[in-house]
Amino acid sequence: MKNPRLCITAQDISAILNITPRQASRKLQEVRDAYGKQYHQYLTFAEFAAYTDLPLDELYKRCHP
């Protein structure tokens, strides 16, 4: 079994929330700002799930079919 990725990308957010890639980039930056992270720092699936109040296992299902 392949190990799931730790970090979430704008492409993942676009697929999960069914929004455009540009909107997904903005959402990713919004979550980074909320956690006090800079642009070059990564965001984990767990951090995104906690911020958006979405179940983590559901995020993994949509990004790792």
N, C-alpha and C. Protein backbone atom coordinates (compact mmCIF):
# COMPACT_ATOMS: atom_id res chain seq x y z
N MET A 1 0.83 -1.18 0.00
CA MET A 1 0.00 0.00 0.00
C MET A 1 0.88 1.25 0.00
N LYS A 2 0.47 2.21 -0.78
CA LYS A 2 1.21 3.45 -0.91
C LYS A 2 0.89 4.37 0.28
N ASN A 3 1.90 5.03 0.81
CA ASN A 3 1.68 5.97 1.91
C ASN A 3 0.99 7.23 1.39
N PRO A 4 -0.02 7.72 2.10
CA PRO A 4 -0.69 8.95 1.66
C PRO A 4 0.22 10.16 1.85
N ARG A 5 0.01 11.15 1.01
CA ARG A 5 0.79 12.38 1.13
C ARG A 5 0.43 13.12 2.41
N LEU A 6 1.36 13.85 2.93
CA LEU A 6 1.16 14.61 4.16
C LEU A 6 0.64 16.01 3.88
N CYS A 7 1.11 16.62 2.79
CA CYS A 7 0.79 18.02 2.50
C CYS A 7 -0.31 18.14 1.45
N ILE A 8 -1.14 19.14 1.62
CA ILE A 8 -2.24 19.39 0.69
C ILE A 8 -1.81 20.49 -0.29
N THR A 9 -2.31 20.39 -1.51
CA THR A 9 -1.99 21.38 -2.54
C THR A 9 -3.26 22.10 -3.00
N ALA A 10 -3.07 23.15 -3.77
CA ALA A 10 -4.22 23.88 -4.31
C ALA A 10 -5.04 22.98 -5.24
N GLN A 11 -4.38 22.07 -5.95
CA GLN A 11 -5.10 21.15 -6.83
C GLN A 11 -5.99 20.23 -6.02
N ASP A 12 -5.52 19.79 -4.87
CA ASP A 12 -6.34 18.95 -3.98
C ASP A 12 -7.56 19.74 -3.50
N ILE A 13 -7.33 20.97 -3.07
CA ILE A 13 -8.43 21.80 -2.57
C ILE A 13 -9.45 22.05 -3.66
N SER A 14 -8.97 22.27 -4.88
CA SER A 14 -9.86 22.48 -6.01
C SER A 14 -10.76 21.27 -6.23
N ALA A 15 -10.19 20.08 -6.14
CA ALA A 15 -10.97 18.86 -6.33
C ALA A 15 -11.93 18.60 -5.17
N ILE A 16 -11.50 18.87 -3.96
CA ILE A 16 -12.32 18.62 -2.77
C ILE A 16 -13.52 19.55 -2.72
N LEU A 17 -13.28 20.84 -2.94
CA LEU A 17 -14.34 21.84 -2.79
C LEU A 17 -15.04 22.17 -4.10
N ASN A 18 -14.57 21.58 -5.21
CA ASN A 18 -15.15 21.81 -6.52
C ASN A 18 -15.14 23.31 -6.87
N ILE A 19 -13.96 23.91 -6.74
CA ILE A 19 -13.78 25.33 -7.06
C ILE A 19 -12.65 25.44 -8.08
N THR A 20 -12.49 26.63 -8.65
CA THR A 20 -11.44 26.83 -9.65
C THR A 20 -10.07 26.79 -8.98
N PRO A 21 -9.02 26.49 -9.76
CA PRO A 21 -7.68 26.47 -9.18
C PRO A 21 -7.27 27.81 -8.53
N ARG A 22 -7.71 28.91 -9.11
CA ARG A 22 -7.37 30.22 -8.53
C ARG A 22 -8.05 30.41 -7.18
N GLN A 23 -9.31 30.03 -7.08
CA GLN A 23 -10.01 30.12 -5.80
C GLN A 23 -9.36 29.19 -4.78
N ALA A 24 -8.91 28.03 -5.24
CA ALA A 24 -8.25 27.08 -4.35
C ALA A 24 -6.94 27.65 -3.82
N SER A 25 -6.21 28.36 -4.66
CA SER A 25 -4.96 29.00 -4.21
C SER A 25 -5.24 30.04 -3.14
N ARG A 26 -6.31 30.80 -3.34
CA ARG A 26 -6.69 31.80 -2.33
C ARG A 26 -7.08 31.14 -1.02
N LYS A 27 -7.83 30.05 -1.11
CA LYS A 27 -8.25 29.32 0.09
C LYS A 27 -7.03 28.76 0.82
N LEU A 28 -6.08 28.21 0.07
CA LEU A 28 -4.85 27.68 0.66
C LEU A 28 -4.10 28.79 1.40
N GLN A 29 -4.01 29.97 0.79
CA GLN A 29 -3.33 31.09 1.44
C GLN A 29 -4.09 31.57 2.67
N GLU A 30 -5.41 31.53 2.60
CA GLU A 30 -6.24 31.92 3.75
C GLU A 30 -5.98 31.01 4.95
N VAL A 31 -5.88 29.72 4.70
CA VAL A 31 -5.62 28.77 5.78
C VAL A 31 -4.19 28.94 6.29
N ARG A 32 -3.24 29.15 5.38
CA ARG A 32 -1.85 29.41 5.80
C ARG A 32 -1.78 30.63 6.71
N ASP A 33 -2.48 31.69 6.32
CA ASP A 33 -2.49 32.92 7.14
C ASP A 33 -3.08 32.66 8.52
N ALA A 34 -4.13 31.85 8.57
CA ALA A 34 -4.78 31.54 9.84
C ALA A 34 -3.82 30.81 10.78
N TYR A 35 -2.93 29.99 10.22
CA TYR A 35 -1.96 29.26 11.03
C TYR A 35 -0.63 30.01 11.19
N GLY A 36 -0.55 31.20 10.62
CA GLY A 36 0.68 32.00 10.74
C GLY A 36 1.83 31.44 9.94
N LYS A 37 1.53 30.76 8.84
CA LYS A 37 2.58 30.18 8.01
C LYS A 37 2.90 31.10 6.85
N GLN A 38 4.14 31.03 6.39
CA GLN A 38 4.55 31.83 5.24
C GLN A 38 4.29 31.05 3.96
N TYR A 39 4.44 31.74 2.82
CA TYR A 39 4.10 31.16 1.53
C TYR A 39 4.88 29.87 1.23
N HIS A 40 6.14 29.82 1.63
CA HIS A 40 6.97 28.67 1.31
C HIS A 40 6.74 27.48 2.26
N GLN A 41 5.95 27.65 3.30
CA GLN A 41 5.70 26.57 4.25
C GLN A 41 4.49 25.74 3.82
N TYR A 42 4.58 24.46 4.08
CA TYR A 42 3.53 23.53 3.66
C TYR A 42 2.37 23.50 4.65
N LEU A 43 1.22 23.07 4.15
CA LEU A 43 0.02 22.91 4.95
C LEU A 43 -0.37 21.43 4.90
N THR A 44 -0.66 20.84 6.05
CA THR A 44 -1.01 19.42 6.08
C THR A 44 -2.51 19.22 5.88
N PHE A 45 -2.86 18.00 5.52
CA PHE A 45 -4.27 17.65 5.39
C PHE A 45 -4.98 17.86 6.72
N ALA A 46 -4.33 17.52 7.83
CA ALA A 46 -4.95 17.65 9.15
C ALA A 46 -5.24 19.12 9.48
N GLU A 47 -4.31 20.01 9.15
CA GLU A 47 -4.53 21.44 9.40
C GLU A 47 -5.69 21.97 8.56
N PHE A 48 -5.74 21.56 7.29
CA PHE A 48 -6.83 22.00 6.43
C PHE A 48 -8.17 21.46 6.92
N ALA A 49 -8.19 20.21 7.35
CA ALA A 49 -9.42 19.60 7.86
C ALA A 49 -9.90 20.33 9.12
N ALA A 50 -8.98 20.66 10.00
CA ALA A 50 -9.35 21.35 11.24
C ALA A 50 -9.89 22.75 10.94
N TYR A 51 -9.27 23.45 10.00
CA TYR A 51 -9.71 24.81 9.67
C TYR A 51 -11.08 24.81 9.00
N THR A 52 -11.30 23.88 8.08
CA THR A 52 -12.56 23.86 7.33
C THR A 52 -13.63 23.03 8.00
N ASP A 53 -13.28 22.34 9.08
CA ASP A 53 -14.21 21.49 9.81
C ASP A 53 -14.77 20.37 8.93
N LEU A 54 -13.89 19.84 8.07
CA LEU A 54 -14.24 18.69 7.23
C LEU A 54 -13.58 17.45 7.82
N PRO A 55 -14.22 16.28 7.69
CA PRO A 55 -13.60 15.06 8.23
C PRO A 55 -12.33 14.69 7.45
N LEU A 56 -11.27 14.41 8.17
CA LEU A 56 -9.98 14.11 7.57
C LEU A 56 -10.04 12.89 6.67
N ASP A 57 -10.74 11.84 7.09
CA ASP A 57 -10.80 10.63 6.27
C ASP A 57 -11.51 10.89 4.94
N GLU A 58 -12.47 11.80 4.94
CA GLU A 58 -13.16 12.15 3.69
C GLU A 58 -12.23 12.91 2.74
N LEU A 59 -11.38 13.76 3.29
CA LEU A 59 -10.40 14.46 2.46
C LEU A 59 -9.45 13.47 1.80
N TYR A 60 -8.96 12.51 2.58
CA TYR A 60 -8.06 11.51 2.03
C TYR A 60 -8.73 10.68 0.94
N LYS A 61 -10.00 10.34 1.14
CA LYS A 61 -10.72 9.55 0.14
C LYS A 61 -10.81 10.29 -1.19
N ARG A 62 -11.06 11.58 -1.13
CA ARG A 62 -11.23 12.36 -2.36
C ARG A 62 -9.90 12.62 -3.07
N CYS A 63 -8.81 12.64 -2.32
CA CYS A 63 -7.51 12.93 -2.92
C CYS A 63 -6.69 11.69 -3.21
N HIS A 64 -7.02 10.59 -2.60
CA HIS A 64 -6.28 9.34 -2.79
C HIS A 64 -7.24 8.20 -3.14
N PRO A 65 -7.75 8.21 -4.37
CA PRO A 65 -8.73 7.16 -4.71
C PRO A 65 -8.14 5.78 -4.76
